[in-house]
Amino acid sequence: MSRPIKRFDWKTLEEYFDKTELRESSKTSIETRIRKILNDVFGRKDYSINELKKSPQKVCDYISKGWDIRRHSTKKTYLFAMTHLYKALNVKYDCITKQLKETMELAEAERAGEMNEKTKEKFNKVNFKELKEKAKKEENPDLRLVYWLYSAMPPLRGNEWRGTRVVANEKKGKDSENFVALKEKKLIVNKSKTSETHGKKVIDLPTEVVNELKKYVASKEHDILFDDYSASTFTKMLNKNLGFSIHALRKRYVSEHFDKMTPKERVELARTMGHTIQTAMLDYKKPIEVVSDEED
């Protein structure tokens, strides 16, 4: 009499996750990627333990050769996700490790390469002078402030501004929030996408931005910036009214300023924008197409 086939139970992965320090969002992303690859490789949504223990080479071959996804950065995230499955199963995955190392190198080279046509189109739309002109003419308080924030200083991620409190001076700010200290003309970012890596940021604000912040608060009769928006609706509002993504705008800013800066200024810009010099060089700095007046 043959033994019953032991099916894989996703609780095995959950129990493994409980022993790690991964955030809940990371656990969800990793499990989603694992499910996607296994479904593609096996063509179904249930698997035996034995199948999975024998699957590292199949998975490696599929991601590296059989998958129709071209970007190495995407392949890297899926290979990395699969390492967690095999750790949970206590299975050797040398082929995955080897392919992951190679794919990481290819992803780095990919990051340093030229932009694809879609990205280039968005990048070329960014014009800081036009944004500043819009800011001067705009009457809607939200839009006017957005145009100033993204034309008069290094562009921050949207959610470093949304929910930020405006206070008279640093003493009135709290470490649990982001706040603008008007007297000192500083933005203190305590919470951001990269705060765990880069820590608290103290950013000097141009006088024209400080003046606009004062006008905004006066018009709203409260001290919170863009308080009417959720994270997603704020991003949609930015993209719609700017005409391009914040990511494209950040790339353009670095590309226009980086070569003119001293090493110290480059480090300060990277710190302000919340990334490393390596990220600035690989992800953000791109060639700018110069169009002569005759070609306009």
C-alpha atoms as a PDB file:
ATOM      1  CA  MET A   1       0.000   0.000   0.000  1.00  0.00           C
ATOM      2  CA  SER A   2       1.522   3.332  -1.083  1.00  0.00           C
ATOM      3  CA  ARG A   3       1.992   6.178   1.358  1.00  0.00           C
ATOM      4  CA  PRO A   4      -0.347   9.179   1.031  1.00  0.00           C
ATOM      5  CA  ILE A   5       1.236  12.159  -0.668  1.00  0.00           C
ATOM      6  CA  LYS A   6       2.057  14.887   1.840  1.00  0.00           C
ATOM      7  CA  ARG A   7       0.847  18.234   0.483  1.00  0.00           C
ATOM      8  CA  PHE A   8       2.599  21.509   1.184  1.00  0.00           C
ATOM      9  CA  ASP A   9       0.834  23.624   3.799  1.00  0.00           C
ATOM     10  CA  TRP A  10       1.387  27.404   3.590  1.00  0.00           C
ATOM     11  CA  LYS A  11       1.417  27.477   7.386  1.00  0.00           C
ATOM     12  CA  THR A  12       4.988  26.151   7.060  1.00  0.00           C
ATOM     13  CA  LEU A  13       5.969  29.463   5.492  1.00  0.00           C
ATOM     14  CA  GLU A  14       4.030  31.450   8.096  1.00  0.00           C
ATOM     15  CA  GLU A  15       5.827  29.603  10.911  1.00  0.00           C
ATOM     16  CA  TYR A  16       9.157  30.366   9.238  1.00  0.00           C
ATOM     17  CA  PHE A  17       8.224  34.061   8.899  1.00  0.00           C
ATOM     18  CA  ASP A  18       7.375  34.203  12.613  1.00  0.00           C
ATOM     19  CA  LYS A  19      11.032  33.418  13.371  1.00  0.00           C
ATOM     20  CA  THR A  20      12.295  36.281  11.212  1.00  0.00           C
ATOM     21  CA  GLU A  21      12.282  40.052  11.703  1.00  0.00           C
ATOM     22  CA  LEU A  22      10.567  40.707   8.378  1.00  0.00           C
ATOM     23  CA  ARG A  23       7.825  43.338   8.318  1.00  0.00           C
ATOM     24  CA  GLU A  24       4.281  42.174   7.576  1.00  0.00           C
ATOM     25  CA  SER A  25       4.287  43.968   4.227  1.00  0.00           C
ATOM     26  CA  SER A  26       7.511  42.171   3.248  1.00  0.00           C
ATOM     27  CA  LYS A  27       6.077  38.791   4.269  1.00  0.00           C
ATOM     28  CA  THR A  28       3.025  39.413   2.098  1.00  0.00           C
ATOM     29  CA  SER A  29       5.131  40.456  -0.904  1.00  0.00           C
ATOM     30  CA  ILE A  30       7.433  37.457  -0.573  1.00  0.00           C
ATOM     31  CA  GLU A  31       4.566  34.973  -0.286  1.00  0.00           C
ATOM     32  CA  THR A  32       2.819  36.528  -3.307  1.00  0.00           C
ATOM     33  CA  ARG A  33       5.972  36.125  -5.393  1.00  0.00           C
ATOM     34  CA  ILE A  34       6.501  32.540  -4.243  1.00  0.00           C
ATOM     35  CA  ARG A  35       2.916  31.627  -5.172  1.00  0.00           C
ATOM     36  CA  LYS A  36       3.321  33.254  -8.590  1.00  0.00           C
ATOM     37  CA  ILE A  37       6.488  31.305  -9.448  1.00  0.00           C
ATOM     38  CA  LEU A  38       5.189  27.967  -8.160  1.00  0.00           C
ATOM     39  CA  ASN A  39       1.941  28.383 -10.081  1.00  0.00           C
ATOM     40  CA  ASP A  40       3.901  29.128 -13.250  1.00  0.00           C
ATOM     41  CA  VAL A  41       6.345  26.248 -12.794  1.00  0.00           C
ATOM     42  CA  PHE A  42       3.786  23.586 -11.834  1.00  0.00           C
ATOM     43  CA  GLY A  43       0.700  24.928 -13.590  1.00  0.00           C
ATOM     44  CA  ARG A  44      -1.437  24.479 -10.477  1.00  0.00           C
ATOM     45  CA  LYS A  45      -1.941  25.842  -6.976  1.00  0.00           C
ATOM     46  CA  ASP A  46      -1.184  22.805  -4.826  1.00  0.00           C
ATOM     47  CA  TYR A  47       2.102  20.921  -4.505  1.00  0.00           C
ATOM     48  CA  SER A  48       3.562  18.046  -2.588  1.00  0.00           C
ATOM     49  CA  ILE A  49       6.416  18.547  -0.134  1.00  0.00           C
ATOM     50  CA  ASN A  50       8.529  16.209  -2.235  1.00  0.00           C
ATOM     51  CA  GLU A  51       7.891  18.252  -5.395  1.00  0.00           C
ATOM     52  CA  LEU A  52       8.994  21.427  -3.710  1.00  0.00           C
ATOM     53  CA  LYS A  53      12.124  19.866  -2.271  1.00  0.00           C
ATOM     54  CA  LYS A  54      13.132  18.859  -5.791  1.00  0.00           C
ATOM     55  CA  SER A  55      12.136  22.178  -7.386  1.00  0.00           C
ATOM     56  CA  PRO A  56      15.103  24.581  -6.914  1.00  0.00           C
ATOM     57  CA  GLN A  57      16.664  23.829 -10.309  1.00  0.00           C
ATOM     58  CA  LYS A  58      13.301  24.026 -12.100  1.00  0.00           C
ATOM     59  CA  VAL A  59      12.575  27.344 -10.457  1.00  0.00           C
ATOM     60  CA  CYS A  60      16.043  28.652 -11.258  1.00  0.00           C
ATOM     61  CA  ASP A  61      15.748  27.646 -14.924  1.00  0.00           C
ATOM     62  CA  TYR A  62      12.272  29.149 -15.213  1.00  0.00           C
ATOM     63  CA  ILE A  63      13.164  32.547 -13.736  1.00  0.00           C
ATOM     64  CA  SER A  64      16.497  32.862 -15.543  1.00  0.00           C
ATOM     65  CA  LYS A  65      15.554  31.400 -18.950  1.00  0.00           C
ATOM     66  CA  GLY A  66      11.887  30.524 -19.377  1.00  0.00           C
ATOM     67  CA  TRP A  67      10.165  33.579 -17.922  1.00  0.00           C
ATOM     68  CA  ASP A  68       9.058  36.311 -20.319  1.00  0.00           C
ATOM     69  CA  ILE A  69      10.047  39.054 -17.845  1.00  0.00           C
ATOM     70  CA  ARG A  70      13.137  40.838 -19.138  1.00  0.00           C
ATOM     71  CA  ARG A  71      14.106  43.092 -16.254  1.00  0.00           C
ATOM     72  CA  HIS A  72      16.834  41.593 -14.092  1.00  0.00           C
ATOM     73  CA  SER A  73      15.701  43.690 -11.119  1.00  0.00           C
ATOM     74  CA  THR A  74      12.340  41.883 -11.221  1.00  0.00           C
ATOM     75  CA  LYS A  75      13.979  38.472 -11.549  1.00  0.00           C
ATOM     76  CA  LYS A  76      16.189  39.337  -8.579  1.00  0.00           C
ATOM     77  CA  THR A  77      13.207  39.992  -6.280  1.00  0.00           C
ATOM     78  CA  TYR A  78      11.563  36.692  -7.259  1.00  0.00           C
ATOM     79  CA  LEU A  79      14.762  34.659  -6.825  1.00  0.00           C
ATOM     80  CA  PHE A  80      15.229  36.254  -3.417  1.00  0.00           C
ATOM     81  CA  ALA A  81      11.650  35.400  -2.459  1.00  0.00           C
ATOM     82  CA  MET A  82      12.220  31.746  -3.383  1.00  0.00           C
ATOM     83  CA  THR A  83      15.187  31.518  -1.007  1.00  0.00           C
ATOM     84  CA  HIS A  84      12.718  32.028   1.855  1.00  0.00           C
ATOM     85  CA  LEU A  85      10.605  29.083   0.721  1.00  0.00           C
ATOM     86  CA  TYR A  86      13.603  26.758   0.635  1.00  0.00           C
ATOM     87  CA  LYS A  87      14.804  27.989   4.018  1.00  0.00           C
ATOM     88  CA  ALA A  88      11.357  27.207   5.412  1.00  0.00           C
ATOM     89  CA  LEU A  89      11.580  23.703   3.915  1.00  0.00           C
ATOM     90  CA  ASN A  90      15.204  23.275   5.024  1.00  0.00           C
ATOM     91  CA  VAL A  91      16.210  22.491   1.437  1.00  0.00           C
ATOM     92  CA  LYS A  92      19.525  23.309  -0.245  1.00  0.00           C
ATOM     93  CA  TYR A  93      19.167  25.910  -2.987  1.00  0.00           C
ATOM     94  CA  ASP A  94      22.727  26.418  -4.278  1.00  0.00           C
ATOM     95  CA  CYS A  95      21.543  26.942  -7.866  1.00  0.00           C
ATOM     96  CA  ILE A  96      19.235  29.758  -6.704  1.00  0.00           C
ATOM     97  CA  THR A  97      22.075  31.393  -4.752  1.00  0.00           C
ATOM     98  CA  LYS A  98      24.384  31.241  -7.763  1.00  0.00           C
ATOM     99  CA  GLN A  99      21.734  32.630 -10.132  1.00  0.00           C
ATOM    100  CA  LEU A 100      20.765  35.329  -7.641  1.00  0.00           C
ATOM    101  CA  LYS A 101      24.356  36.571  -7.444  1.00  0.00           C
ATOM    102  CA  GLU A 102      24.617  36.753 -11.236  1.00  0.00           C
ATOM    103  CA  THR A 103      21.200  38.417 -11.566  1.00  0.00           C
ATOM    104  CA  MET A 104      22.087  41.030  -8.934  1.00  0.00           C
ATOM    105  CA  GLU A 105      25.134  42.018 -10.987  1.00  0.00           C
ATOM    106  CA  LEU A 106      23.015  42.224 -14.136  1.00  0.00           C
ATOM    107  CA  ALA A 107      20.420  44.298 -12.280  1.00  0.00           C
ATOM    108  CA  GLU A 108      23.116  46.761 -11.194  1.00  0.00           C
ATOM    109  CA  ALA A 109      24.282  47.096 -14.796  1.00  0.00           C
ATOM    110  CA  GLU A 110      20.669  47.496 -15.873  1.00  0.00           C
ATOM    111  CA  ARG A 111      20.128  50.311 -13.359  1.00  0.00           C
ATOM    112  CA  ALA A 112      23.096  52.206 -14.777  1.00  0.00           C
ATOM    113  CA  GLY A 113      21.862  51.855 -18.346  1.00  0.00           C
ATOM    114  CA  GLU A 114      19.748  54.192 -20.413  1.00  0.00           C
ATOM    115  CA  MET A 115      16.030  54.660 -19.751  1.00  0.00           C
ATOM    116  CA  ASN A 116      13.406  52.855 -21.762  1.00  0.00           C
ATOM    117  CA  GLU A 117      11.227  54.964 -24.058  1.00  0.00           C
ATOM    118  CA  LYS A 118       8.310  55.268 -21.614  1.00  0.00           C
ATOM    119  CA  THR A 119      10.562  56.400 -18.759  1.00  0.00           C
ATOM    120  CA  LYS A 120      12.461  58.756 -21.050  1.00  0.00           C
ATOM    121  CA  GLU A 121       9.206  60.373 -22.183  1.00  0.00           C
ATOM    122  CA  LYS A 122       8.217  61.140 -18.580  1.00  0.00           C
ATOM    123  CA  PHE A 123      11.744  62.324 -17.760  1.00  0.00           C
ATOM    124  CA  ASN A 124      11.779  64.741 -20.694  1.00  0.00           C
ATOM    125  CA  LYS A 125       8.442  66.272 -19.658  1.00  0.00           C
ATOM    126  CA  VAL A 126       9.889  67.656 -16.419  1.00  0.00           C
ATOM    127  CA  ASN A 127      10.552  71.401 -16.595  1.00  0.00           C
ATOM    128  CA  PHE A 128      11.302  73.179 -13.321  1.00  0.00           C
ATOM    129  CA  LYS A 129      11.029  76.690 -14.786  1.00  0.00           C
ATOM    130  CA  GLU A 130       7.533  75.942 -16.061  1.00  0.00           C
ATOM    131  CA  LEU A 131       6.536  74.568 -12.652  1.00  0.00           C
ATOM    132  CA  LYS A 132       7.718  77.758 -10.949  1.00  0.00           C
ATOM    133  CA  GLU A 133       5.745  79.870 -13.402  1.00  0.00           C
ATOM    134  CA  LYS A 134       2.670  77.756 -12.655  1.00  0.00           C
ATOM    135  CA  ALA A 135       3.269  78.309  -8.945  1.00  0.00           C
ATOM    136  CA  LYS A 136       3.251  82.078  -9.337  1.00  0.00           C
ATOM    137  CA  LYS A 137      -0.088  82.049 -11.179  1.00  0.00           C
ATOM    138  CA  GLU A 138      -1.950  79.288  -9.327  1.00  0.00           C
ATOM    139  CA  GLU A 139      -4.720  80.320  -6.930  1.00  0.00           C
ATOM    140  CA  ASN A 140      -5.685  76.904  -5.507  1.00  0.00           C
ATOM    141  CA  PRO A 141      -3.721  76.615  -2.200  1.00  0.00           C
ATOM    142  CA  ASP A 142      -2.937  72.903  -2.574  1.00  0.00           C
ATOM    143  CA  LEU A 143      -1.730  73.155  -6.159  1.00  0.00           C
ATOM    144  CA  ARG A 144       0.176  76.384  -5.580  1.00  0.00           C
ATOM    145  CA  LEU A 145       2.118  74.823  -2.708  1.00  0.00           C
ATOM    146  CA  VAL A 146       2.780  71.632  -4.689  1.00  0.00           C
ATOM    147  CA  TYR A 147       4.259  73.631  -7.572  1.00  0.00           C
ATOM    148  CA  TRP A 148       6.523  75.546  -5.195  1.00  0.00           C
ATOM    149  CA  LEU A 149       7.666  72.455  -3.284  1.00  0.00           C
ATOM    150  CA  TYR A 150       8.633  70.699  -6.507  1.00  0.00           C
ATOM    151  CA  SER A 151      10.259  73.606  -8.328  1.00  0.00           C
ATOM    152  CA  ALA A 152      12.156  75.573  -5.677  1.00  0.00           C
ATOM    153  CA  MET A 153      14.112  72.861  -3.813  1.00  0.00           C
ATOM    154  CA  PRO A 154      15.295  69.243  -4.092  1.00  0.00           C
ATOM    155  CA  PRO A 155      12.133  67.140  -4.619  1.00  0.00           C
ATOM    156  CA  LEU A 156      11.152  64.934  -1.706  1.00  0.00           C
ATOM    157  CA  ARG A 157       8.864  61.910  -1.845  1.00  0.00           C
ATOM    158  CA  GLY A 158       5.225  62.981  -1.665  1.00  0.00           C
ATOM    159  CA  ASN A 159       4.496  61.434   1.716  1.00  0.00           C
ATOM    160  CA  GLU A 160       7.334  63.351   3.338  1.00  0.00           C
ATOM    161  CA  TRP A 161       5.144  66.434   2.821  1.00  0.00           C
ATOM    162  CA  ARG A 162       1.657  64.982   3.280  1.00  0.00           C
ATOM    163  CA  GLY A 163       0.653  65.171   6.952  1.00  0.00           C
ATOM    164  CA  THR A 164       3.591  67.399   7.880  1.00  0.00           C
ATOM    165  CA  ARG A 165       2.796  69.910  10.631  1.00  0.00           C
ATOM    166  CA  VAL A 166       3.801  73.571  10.373  1.00  0.00           C
ATOM    167  CA  VAL A 167       4.951  75.046  13.711  1.00  0.00           C
ATOM    168  CA  ALA A 168       6.429  78.369  14.816  1.00  0.00           C
ATOM    169  CA  ASN A 169       9.801  76.944  15.890  1.00  0.00           C
ATOM    170  CA  GLU A 170      11.648  73.669  16.503  1.00  0.00           C
ATOM    171  CA  LYS A 171      10.702  73.555  20.195  1.00  0.00           C
ATOM    172  CA  LYS A 172       7.043  73.148  19.215  1.00  0.00           C
ATOM    173  CA  GLY A 173       7.735  70.156  16.952  1.00  0.00           C
ATOM    174  CA  LYS A 174       7.467  66.500  18.009  1.00  0.00           C
ATOM    175  CA  ASP A 175       9.868  63.636  17.312  1.00  0.00           C
ATOM    176  CA  SER A 176       6.903  61.445  16.375  1.00  0.00           C
ATOM    177  CA  GLU A 177       5.996  63.553  13.327  1.00  0.00           C
ATOM    178  CA  ASN A 178       7.417  65.468  10.394  1.00  0.00           C
ATOM    179  CA  PHE A 179       7.245  69.215  10.888  1.00  0.00           C
ATOM    180  CA  VAL A 180       8.284  72.551   9.412  1.00  0.00           C
ATOM    181  CA  ALA A 181       9.887  75.010  11.851  1.00  0.00           C
ATOM    182  CA  LEU A 182       9.102  78.431  10.366  1.00  0.00           C
ATOM    183  CA  LYS A 183      11.533  80.473  12.490  1.00  0.00           C
ATOM    184  CA  GLU A 184      14.494  78.222  11.651  1.00  0.00           C
ATOM    185  CA  LYS A 185      13.315  77.703   8.035  1.00  0.00           C
ATOM    186  CA  LYS A 186      13.790  73.962   8.373  1.00  0.00           C
ATOM    187  CA  LEU A 187      11.879  70.790   7.545  1.00  0.00           C
ATOM    188  CA  ILE A 188      12.454  68.013  10.085  1.00  0.00           C
ATOM    189  CA  VAL A 189      11.638  64.582   8.629  1.00  0.00           C
ATOM    190  CA  ASN A 190      11.336  62.008  11.399  1.00  0.00           C
ATOM    191  CA  LYS A 191       9.247  59.526   9.389  1.00  0.00           C
ATOM    192  CA  SER A 192       9.948  58.568   5.792  1.00  0.00           C
ATOM    193  CA  LYS A 193      10.378  55.586   3.493  1.00  0.00           C
ATOM    194  CA  THR A 194      14.101  55.455   4.319  1.00  0.00           C
ATOM    195  CA  SER A 195      14.127  56.752   7.901  1.00  0.00           C
ATOM    196  CA  GLU A 196      15.168  53.349   9.270  1.00  0.00           C
ATOM    197  CA  THR A 197      18.268  53.493   7.066  1.00  0.00           C
ATOM    198  CA  HIS A 198      19.061  57.202   6.929  1.00  0.00           C
ATOM    199  CA  GLY A 199      17.524  58.375  10.201  1.00  0.00           C
ATOM    200  CA  LYS A 200      16.142  61.842  10.895  1.00  0.00           C
ATOM    201  CA  LYS A 201      16.594  64.476   8.179  1.00  0.00           C
ATOM    202  CA  VAL A 202      16.922  68.224   8.804  1.00  0.00           C
ATOM    203  CA  ILE A 203      16.458  70.141   5.549  1.00  0.00           C
ATOM    204  CA  ASP A 204      17.026  73.856   5.020  1.00  0.00           C
ATOM    205  CA  LEU A 205      14.088  75.466   3.226  1.00  0.00           C
ATOM    206  CA  PRO A 206      14.344  78.329   0.712  1.00  0.00           C
ATOM    207  CA  THR A 207      12.735  81.572   1.870  1.00  0.00           C
ATOM    208  CA  GLU A 208      10.192  81.450  -0.975  1.00  0.00           C
ATOM    209  CA  VAL A 209       9.022  77.987   0.157  1.00  0.00           C
ATOM    210  CA  VAL A 210       8.730  79.155   3.782  1.00  0.00           C
ATOM    211  CA  ASN A 211       6.639  82.125   2.647  1.00  0.00           C
ATOM    212  CA  GLU A 212       4.333  79.841   0.670  1.00  0.00           C
ATOM    213  CA  LEU A 213       3.954  77.510   3.640  1.00  0.00           C
ATOM    214  CA  LYS A 214       2.836  80.467   5.762  1.00  0.00           C
ATOM    215  CA  LYS A 215       0.258  81.444   3.127  1.00  0.00           C
ATOM    216  CA  TYR A 216      -0.980  77.851   2.877  1.00  0.00           C
ATOM    217  CA  VAL A 217      -1.523  77.490   6.625  1.00  0.00           C
ATOM    218  CA  ALA A 218      -3.286  80.847   6.761  1.00  0.00           C
ATOM    219  CA  SER A 219      -5.633  79.863   3.926  1.00  0.00           C
ATOM    220  CA  LYS A 220      -6.472  76.480   5.467  1.00  0.00           C
ATOM    221  CA  GLU A 221      -6.853  77.609   9.078  1.00  0.00           C
ATOM    222  CA  HIS A 222      -5.008  74.500  10.297  1.00  0.00           C
ATOM    223  CA  ASP A 223      -1.350  73.544  10.516  1.00  0.00           C
ATOM    224  CA  ILE A 224      -1.238  70.189   8.655  1.00  0.00           C
ATOM    225  CA  LEU A 225      -0.133  70.011   5.028  1.00  0.00           C
ATOM    226  CA  PHE A 226      -2.432  68.226   2.560  1.00  0.00           C
ATOM    227  CA  ASP A 227      -4.473  66.796   5.415  1.00  0.00           C
ATOM    228  CA  ASP A 228      -7.442  66.069   3.141  1.00  0.00           C
ATOM    229  CA  TYR A 229      -5.568  63.398   1.169  1.00  0.00           C
ATOM    230  CA  SER A 230      -4.745  59.748   1.798  1.00  0.00           C
ATOM    231  CA  ALA A 231      -1.350  58.469   0.615  1.00  0.00           C
ATOM    232  CA  SER A 232      -2.816  57.115  -2.627  1.00  0.00           C
ATOM    233  CA  THR A 233      -5.033  60.099  -3.454  1.00  0.00           C
ATOM    234  CA  PHE A 234      -2.156  62.490  -2.790  1.00  0.00           C
ATOM    235  CA  THR A 235       0.082  60.584  -5.209  1.00  0.00           C
ATOM    236  CA  LYS A 236      -2.674  60.635  -7.843  1.00  0.00           C
ATOM    237  CA  MET A 237      -3.159  64.377  -7.333  1.00  0.00           C
ATOM    238  CA  LEU A 238       0.570  65.008  -7.747  1.00  0.00           C
ATOM    239  CA  ASN A 239       0.839  62.923 -10.921  1.00  0.00           C
ATOM    240  CA  LYS A 240      -2.262  64.481 -12.469  1.00  0.00           C
ATOM    241  CA  ASN A 241      -1.343  68.103 -11.821  1.00  0.00           C
ATOM    242  CA  LEU A 242       2.407  67.918 -12.307  1.00  0.00           C
ATOM    243  CA  GLY A 243       1.984  65.935 -15.529  1.00  0.00           C
ATOM    244  CA  PHE A 244       4.609  63.345 -14.567  1.00  0.00           C
ATOM    245  CA  SER A 245       5.535  61.158 -11.616  1.00  0.00           C
ATOM    246  CA  ILE A 246       7.537  62.318  -8.594  1.00  0.00           C
ATOM    247  CA  HIS A 247      10.078  59.629  -9.475  1.00  0.00           C
ATOM    248  CA  ALA A 248      10.615  61.177 -12.930  1.00  0.00           C
ATOM    249  CA  LEU A 249      10.920  64.610 -11.320  1.00  0.00           C
ATOM    250  CA  ARG A 250      13.488  63.372  -8.795  1.00  0.00           C
ATOM    251  CA  LYS A 251      15.537  61.775 -11.569  1.00  0.00           C
ATOM    252  CA  ARG A 252      15.458  64.994 -13.568  1.00  0.00           C
ATOM    253  CA  TYR A 253      16.552  67.113 -10.609  1.00  0.00           C
ATOM    254  CA  VAL A 254      19.577  64.919  -9.909  1.00  0.00           C
ATOM    255  CA  SER A 255      20.466  64.771 -13.617  1.00  0.00           C
ATOM    256  CA  GLU A 256      20.401  68.569 -13.967  1.00  0.00           C
ATOM    257  CA  HIS A 257      22.415  69.332 -10.828  1.00  0.00           C
ATOM    258  CA  PHE A 258      24.735  66.431 -10.061  1.00  0.00           C
ATOM    259  CA  ASP A 259      27.643  67.235 -12.405  1.00  0.00           C
ATOM    260  CA  LYS A 260      27.745  70.863 -11.231  1.00  0.00           C
ATOM    261  CA  MET A 261      28.099  69.887  -7.576  1.00  0.00           C
ATOM    262  CA  THR A 262      31.106  69.323  -5.332  1.00  0.00           C
ATOM    263  CA  PRO A 263      31.404  65.877  -3.667  1.00  0.00           C
ATOM    264  CA  LYS A 264      30.158  67.398  -0.408  1.00  0.00           C
ATOM    265  CA  GLU A 265      27.119  68.919  -2.140  1.00  0.00           C
ATOM    266  CA  ARG A 266      26.340  65.567  -3.798  1.00  0.00           C
ATOM    267  CA  VAL A 267      26.364  63.813  -0.434  1.00  0.00           C
ATOM    268  CA  GLU A 268      24.069  66.480   1.020  1.00  0.00           C
ATOM    269  CA  LEU A 269      21.661  66.219  -1.926  1.00  0.00           C
ATOM    270  CA  ALA A 270      21.480  62.426  -1.570  1.00  0.00           C
ATOM    271  CA  ARG A 271      20.836  62.788   2.168  1.00  0.00           C
ATOM    272  CA  THR A 272      18.085  65.351   1.565  1.00  0.00           C
ATOM    273  CA  MET A 273      16.379  63.210  -1.065  1.00  0.00           C
ATOM    274  CA  GLY A 274      16.656  60.083   1.092  1.00  0.00           C
ATOM    275  CA  HIS A 275      18.935  57.825  -0.931  1.00  0.00           C
ATOM    276  CA  THR A 276      22.620  56.928  -1.256  1.00  0.00           C
ATOM    277  CA  ILE A 277      25.210  58.325  -3.647  1.00  0.00           C
ATOM    278  CA  GLN A 278      25.214  54.930  -5.378  1.00  0.00           C
ATOM    279  CA  THR A 279      21.456  55.176  -5.946  1.00  0.00           C
ATOM    280  CA  ALA A 280      21.862  58.722  -7.243  1.00  0.00           C
ATOM    281  CA  MET A 281      24.496  57.568  -9.747  1.00  0.00           C
ATOM    282  CA  LEU A 282      22.763  54.372 -10.863  1.00  0.00           C
ATOM    283  CA  ASP A 283      19.043  55.147 -10.630  1.00  0.00           C
ATOM    284  CA  TYR A 284      18.662  58.903 -10.808  1.00  0.00           C
ATOM    285  CA  LYS A 285      21.427  60.493 -12.888  1.00  0.00           C
ATOM    286  CA  LYS A 286      20.485  60.162 -16.567  1.00  0.00           C
ATOM    287  CA  PRO A 287      21.683  61.842 -19.777  1.00  0.00           C
ATOM    288  CA  ILE A 288      19.730  64.949 -20.706  1.00  0.00           C
ATOM    289  CA  GLU A 289      18.871  65.527 -24.345  1.00  0.00           C
ATOM    290  CA  VAL A 290      19.719  69.082 -25.300  1.00  0.00           C
ATOM    291  CA  VAL A 291      17.457  70.557 -27.970  1.00  0.00           C
ATOM    292  CA  SER A 292      18.669  73.700 -29.744  1.00  0.00           C
ATOM    293  CA  ASP A 293      16.373  76.682 -30.361  1.00  0.00           C
ATOM    294  CA  GLU A 294      16.466  75.931 -34.069  1.00  0.00           C
ATOM    295  CA  GLU A 295      14.879  72.537 -33.488  1.00  0.00           C
ATOM    296  CA  ASP A 296      11.984  73.862 -31.364  1.00  0.00           C
END
